[in-house]
Every structure is written in C-alpha cells, then in structure tokens.
Amino acid sequence: MDKKELTIIEHLVEFRKRLLAVIICFLLVFCISLLFADQVYQYITQGFSQKLIVLGPNDILWIYLRLASLMAFSLTLPYTVYQVWCFVRPALKTEEAGAIFVYIPATFICFIVGLAFGFYFVTPALLQVLLGLGENLFETQLTAQNYLDFVFQTTMPLALIFELPVIIAFLTSIGLIGPGLLVSYRRYAYFILLVLAVILTPADFISDLAMTVPLILLYEVSIVISKWIIKRREEKNGNLT
C-alpha cells in the first residue's frame, strides 16, 4: 500500500514538474510575442480598406494579449507535446517512444495548417455570408475586437480538429484503437463531425458543406494512417519471427 501511494505521489510530482516547464516556456514566448503582436494584427486585417475601430484602450490591450497568446500557444505546442511524451514515456515501448520525433513536428504542422485553412478559406467565406445576410437590414460596423473574436472562433476549433490524424496515429501506435474500430464507428463519427460543422458555421448549407468535407477527409486520412501503422507493425513482427 505504501509503495503504491508513493508511486502515485511520484507521478504527481513528475506531472507538476512537466506542467511548470510548459507554463514557464509559454510565459517566456508570450512576452516575446507581445513585441510582434502589432505586426500580426496588421497582417490579419490587411484585407480591409480602412483601419478597424476600437471602443477604448482596454480593447487595444485585449487585442495584444490575445494575439500574443495565440502565437505563444502555437510556438510552445511542440515543447508541450515533448513534455507530455516525457511524462508517458515510461509506459511506452521503445519503438513507441521513438515515434515522438515524428509526432512533435506533425502536431505543429497540423495545427498551423488548421489555422491557415480557417483563416484563408473559412473565415472570409463565413464573413461574406454573414455580412450578406444583414446587408439590407443593418448598418454594419466591424470593430477590431469583434473581428478578432470572429477570426478566433473560426480558426482555433479547426486548428484543434486538424490534430485528429496525429491523435489517431498516437492512439493506434500504443494499441488503444485500430482501423477496424474507426471503420465500424464511421457513421457515428460522420454525424459528430457534421454537428461540429453546423456549430462552427452559420445556418447556411454552403458553409456547413464547406466545413464538413475537410472534417470527413481528416477522419478518412486518420483511418489510412491507422491502417499503415498496423500494417507496419505486423510486417516488423513478421520479420522478427
């Protein structure tokens, strides 16, 4: 009993150490990111012919903080994945632990691709649809604050969803799931992805379809990756025998 309790305490101490390392790294990158927040803001608002308005100094501060937080989260994501790997490494086999050198860059790349897809394709399309709905009804004035809110709402969920292939690959490599399970629950997964697409987009069939298609493609890519991992494992085990 004492040994088991000590093991749990050791795990909690290890988890706290890894979490503190991630938080410190995030804060350091966040402070540096504040220096470039104005340049990022200029880039994401360059499509407007005139400057967006703010309603007060608090909005300016909030914009800087949100943009710096996004940059810090994106840049520290590989380090966060590495710390998670360090925490679970004792429970992994040698070949599973070595795969981290693939998962770290893959996690970062998928996140950035998701952000880019949301910003360059989903955000402008949805903005045009929504502004078109109120064109003859309202006098629309975009502020910097509510435009950034809109950008975050249409990019961050996609960036996280684009991590699906990496998550599926990791869970497959450690034996928690397999392609058979993914295929058998495909219909339910499609339904969940459709619900997500409807939640993330306005009540517009075109927008829902534009969001659903890439999500389904991501799921299918995840199935292919899972099959490839299982096939590679079986070939390796066959060579060993």
Protein backbone atom coordinates (compact mmCIF):
# COMPACT_ATOMS: atom_id res chain seq x y z
CA MET A 1 0.00 0.00 0.00
CA ASP A 2 2.79 2.44 0.92
CA LYS A 3 4.67 1.62 -2.25
CA LYS A 4 1.59 2.20 -4.39
CA GLU A 5 0.87 5.51 -2.66
CA LEU A 6 4.48 6.59 -3.14
CA THR A 7 4.26 5.75 -6.85
CA ILE A 8 1.17 7.94 -7.22
CA ILE A 9 2.92 10.80 -5.43
CA GLU A 10 5.93 10.42 -7.67
CA HIS A 11 3.69 10.62 -10.72
CA LEU A 12 2.04 13.78 -9.39
CA VAL A 13 5.44 15.36 -8.71
CA GLU A 14 6.59 14.45 -12.22
CA PHE A 15 3.38 15.86 -13.71
CA ARG A 16 3.79 19.11 -11.77
CA LYS A 17 7.38 19.44 -12.96
CA ARG A 18 6.37 18.97 -16.60
CA LEU A 19 3.42 21.36 -16.25
CA LEU A 20 5.59 24.08 -14.70
CA ALA A 21 8.11 23.68 -17.51
CA VAL A 22 5.35 24.18 -20.10
CA ILE A 23 3.92 27.21 -18.25
CA ILE A 24 7.33 28.86 -17.94
CA CYS A 25 8.07 28.25 -21.62
CA PHE A 26 4.66 29.66 -22.57
CA LEU A 27 5.18 32.80 -20.48
CA LEU A 28 8.62 33.43 -21.95
CA VAL A 29 7.36 33.04 -25.51
CA PHE A 30 4.29 35.12 -24.64
CA CYS A 31 6.44 38.06 -23.51
CA ILE A 32 8.44 37.90 -26.74
CA SER A 33 5.27 37.55 -28.80
CA LEU A 34 3.93 40.82 -27.40
CA LEU A 35 6.65 42.60 -29.36
CA PHE A 36 5.25 41.22 -32.63
CA ALA A 37 1.51 41.41 -31.87
CA ASP A 38 1.09 44.65 -33.83
CA GLN A 39 2.64 43.11 -36.94
CA VAL A 40 0.37 40.06 -36.68
CA TYR A 41 -2.66 42.34 -36.28
CA GLN A 42 -1.69 44.33 -39.38
CA TYR A 43 -1.32 41.10 -41.34
CA ILE A 44 -4.71 39.61 -40.42
CA THR A 45 -6.54 42.91 -41.05
CA GLN A 46 -4.77 43.82 -44.28
CA GLY A 47 -7.85 42.88 -46.29
CA PHE A 48 -9.76 45.91 -45.00
CA SER A 49 -9.51 49.19 -46.89
CA GLN A 50 -9.53 51.20 -43.66
CA LYS A 51 -8.49 50.70 -40.06
CA LEU A 52 -10.90 48.92 -37.77
CA ILE A 53 -12.16 50.92 -34.82
CA VAL A 54 -11.71 50.18 -31.12
CA LEU A 55 -14.09 51.25 -28.38
CA GLY A 56 -11.48 52.02 -25.76
CA PRO A 57 -7.93 51.44 -24.53
CA ASN A 58 -8.95 48.16 -22.92
CA ASP A 59 -9.72 46.76 -26.36
CA ILE A 60 -6.19 47.59 -27.53
CA LEU A 61 -4.67 45.77 -24.57
CA TRP A 62 -7.00 42.80 -25.05
CA ILE A 63 -6.06 42.54 -28.74
CA TYR A 64 -2.35 42.49 -27.91
CA LEU A 65 -2.87 39.84 -25.23
CA ARG A 66 -4.98 37.57 -27.43
CA LEU A 67 -2.62 37.70 -30.38
CA ALA A 68 0.40 37.12 -28.16
CA SER A 69 -1.40 34.19 -26.52
CA LEU A 70 -2.14 32.63 -29.90
CA MET A 71 1.49 32.97 -31.01
CA ALA A 72 2.78 31.64 -27.70
CA PHE A 73 0.42 28.66 -27.77
CA SER A 74 1.39 27.80 -31.35
CA LEU A 75 5.13 28.11 -30.78
CA THR A 76 5.15 26.21 -27.48
CA LEU A 77 2.95 23.39 -28.81
CA PRO A 78 5.93 21.21 -29.88
CA TYR A 79 7.54 21.68 -26.46
CA THR A 80 4.22 20.83 -24.77
CA VAL A 81 3.96 17.60 -26.79
CA TYR A 82 7.54 16.76 -25.84
CA GLN A 83 6.77 17.21 -22.13
CA VAL A 84 3.67 15.03 -22.44
CA TRP A 85 5.81 12.38 -24.13
CA CYS A 86 8.39 12.59 -21.32
CA PHE A 87 5.61 12.01 -18.80
CA VAL A 88 4.14 8.93 -20.53
CA ARG A 89 7.44 7.55 -21.88
CA PRO A 90 7.97 5.01 -19.05
CA ALA A 91 4.72 3.28 -20.08
CA LEU A 92 5.67 3.08 -23.76
CA LYS A 93 7.70 0.53 -25.68
CA THR A 94 10.99 1.56 -27.27
CA GLU A 95 9.56 1.86 -30.80
CA GLU A 96 6.52 3.78 -29.50
CA ALA A 97 8.71 6.20 -27.57
CA GLY A 98 10.91 6.79 -30.61
CA ALA A 99 7.90 7.90 -32.67
CA ILE A 100 7.83 11.18 -30.76
CA PHE A 101 10.29 12.60 -33.28
CA VAL A 102 7.51 12.26 -35.84
CA TYR A 103 4.64 13.37 -33.61
CA ILE A 104 6.25 16.64 -32.45
CA PRO A 105 6.64 18.21 -35.91
CA ALA A 106 3.39 16.61 -37.11
CA THR A 107 1.46 18.20 -34.23
CA PHE A 108 2.86 21.63 -35.01
CA ILE A 109 2.33 21.31 -38.76
CA CYS A 110 -1.27 20.12 -38.41
CA PHE A 111 -2.07 22.96 -36.01
CA ILE A 112 -0.62 25.59 -38.35
CA VAL A 113 -2.34 24.06 -41.39
CA GLY A 114 -5.64 24.15 -39.48
CA LEU A 115 -5.11 27.80 -38.60
CA ALA A 116 -4.23 28.65 -42.20
CA PHE A 117 -7.21 26.75 -43.60
CA GLY A 118 -9.55 28.51 -41.20
CA PHE A 119 -8.11 31.97 -41.83
CA TYR A 120 -7.71 31.84 -45.61
CA PHE A 121 -10.79 29.81 -46.54
CA VAL A 122 -13.38 29.52 -43.76
CA THR A 123 -13.14 32.98 -42.18
CA PRO A 124 -13.56 35.09 -45.34
CA ALA A 125 -16.32 32.82 -46.68
CA LEU A 126 -18.31 32.96 -43.45
CA LEU A 127 -17.73 36.69 -43.06
CA GLN A 128 -19.07 37.31 -46.53
CA VAL A 129 -22.14 35.15 -45.88
CA LEU A 130 -22.94 36.80 -42.56
CA LEU A 131 -22.43 40.33 -43.83
CA GLY A 132 -24.57 39.47 -46.85
CA LEU A 133 -27.42 38.34 -44.58
CA GLY A 134 -27.52 41.73 -42.87
CA GLU A 135 -26.72 43.89 -45.88
CA ASN A 136 -30.26 45.23 -46.35
CA LEU A 137 -31.17 45.15 -42.68
CA PHE A 138 -28.33 46.66 -40.69
CA GLU A 139 -25.59 49.24 -40.83
CA THR A 140 -22.66 47.00 -40.01
CA GLN A 141 -19.53 48.41 -38.39
CA LEU A 142 -16.78 45.95 -37.55
CA THR A 143 -14.60 46.72 -34.56
CA ALA A 144 -11.15 45.26 -34.16
CA GLN A 145 -12.31 43.38 -31.08
CA ASN A 146 -15.33 41.61 -32.59
CA TYR A 147 -13.46 40.87 -35.83
CA LEU A 148 -10.67 39.15 -33.88
CA ASP A 149 -13.30 37.26 -31.88
CA PHE A 150 -14.77 36.04 -35.16
CA VAL A 151 -11.34 35.04 -36.51
CA PHE A 152 -10.51 33.10 -33.35
CA GLN A 153 -13.89 31.33 -33.39
CA THR A 154 -13.41 30.17 -36.98
CA THR A 155 -9.73 29.22 -36.82
CA MET A 156 -8.92 27.81 -33.38
CA PRO A 157 -11.53 25.00 -33.45
CA LEU A 158 -10.29 23.98 -36.90
CA ALA A 159 -6.66 24.07 -35.77
CA LEU A 160 -7.52 21.71 -32.91
CA ILE A 161 -9.62 19.43 -35.14
CA PHE A 162 -6.73 19.18 -37.59
CA GLU A 163 -4.83 17.38 -34.83
CA LEU A 164 -7.15 14.39 -35.33
CA PRO A 165 -4.74 12.40 -37.56
CA VAL A 166 -1.91 12.85 -35.05
CA ILE A 167 -4.11 11.77 -32.14
CA ILE A 168 -5.39 8.74 -34.04
CA ALA A 169 -1.84 7.79 -35.04
CA PHE A 170 -0.64 8.00 -31.43
CA LEU A 171 -3.57 6.01 -30.03
CA THR A 172 -3.05 3.39 -32.73
CA SER A 173 0.67 3.13 -32.03
CA ILE A 174 0.04 2.41 -28.34
CA GLY A 175 -2.71 -0.10 -29.14
CA LEU A 176 -5.75 1.74 -27.76
CA ILE A 177 -7.60 1.88 -31.08
CA GLY A 178 -7.26 0.41 -34.56
CA PRO A 179 -8.57 0.94 -38.08
CA GLY A 180 -11.31 -1.64 -37.52
CA LEU A 181 -12.79 0.42 -34.71
CA LEU A 182 -12.56 3.62 -36.76
CA VAL A 183 -14.29 2.00 -39.73
CA SER A 184 -17.05 0.40 -37.65
CA TYR A 185 -17.88 3.73 -35.99
CA ARG A 186 -17.52 5.74 -39.21
CA ARG A 187 -21.23 6.63 -39.39
CA TYR A 188 -21.26 7.95 -35.83
CA ALA A 189 -18.05 9.87 -36.46
CA TYR A 190 -19.54 11.46 -39.57
CA PHE A 191 -22.59 12.53 -37.59
CA ILE A 192 -20.42 14.09 -34.87
CA LEU A 193 -18.32 15.90 -37.48
CA LEU A 194 -21.49 17.18 -39.16
CA VAL A 195 -22.75 18.51 -35.83
CA LEU A 196 -19.40 20.22 -35.27
CA ALA A 197 -19.58 21.78 -38.74
CA VAL A 198 -23.07 23.12 -38.05
CA ILE A 199 -21.98 24.54 -34.70
CA LEU A 200 -18.88 26.22 -36.15
CA THR A 201 -20.66 27.75 -39.14
CA PRO A 202 -23.79 29.85 -39.66
CA ALA A 203 -27.10 28.26 -40.67
CA ASP A 204 -26.12 28.07 -44.32
CA PHE A 205 -25.90 24.85 -46.33
CA ILE A 206 -22.89 26.00 -48.38
CA SER A 207 -20.91 26.93 -45.26
CA ASP A 208 -21.87 23.70 -43.49
CA LEU A 209 -20.78 21.68 -46.51
CA ALA A 210 -17.53 23.61 -46.83
CA MET A 211 -16.73 22.78 -43.21
CA THR A 212 -17.97 19.16 -43.23
CA VAL A 213 -15.99 17.98 -46.25
CA PRO A 214 -12.49 18.72 -44.81
CA LEU A 215 -13.50 17.22 -41.45
CA ILE A 216 -14.60 13.98 -43.12
CA LEU A 217 -11.41 13.95 -45.18
CA LEU A 218 -9.41 14.31 -41.96
CA TYR A 219 -11.22 11.30 -40.50
CA GLU A 220 -10.54 9.24 -43.63
CA VAL A 221 -6.88 10.27 -43.56
CA SER A 222 -6.78 9.16 -39.93
CA ILE A 223 -8.11 5.72 -40.94
CA VAL A 224 -5.43 5.40 -43.64
CA ILE A 225 -2.71 6.38 -41.16
CA SER A 226 -4.04 3.90 -38.60
CA LYS A 227 -4.02 1.09 -41.20
CA TRP A 228 -0.47 2.00 -42.22
CA ILE A 229 0.74 1.87 -38.61
CA ILE A 230 -0.89 -1.54 -38.03
CA LYS A 231 0.49 -2.91 -41.29
CA ARG A 232 3.98 -1.67 -40.49
CA ARG A 233 3.80 -3.21 -37.01
CA GLU A 234 2.67 -6.57 -38.42
CA GLU A 235 5.47 -6.55 -41.01
CA LYS A 236 8.01 -5.76 -38.31
CA ASN A 237 6.71 -8.54 -36.05
CA GLY A 238 6.76 -10.92 -39.02
CA ASN A 239 10.39 -10.12 -39.74
CA LEU A 240 11.30 -10.69 -36.11
CA THR A 241 9.72 -14.14 -36.12
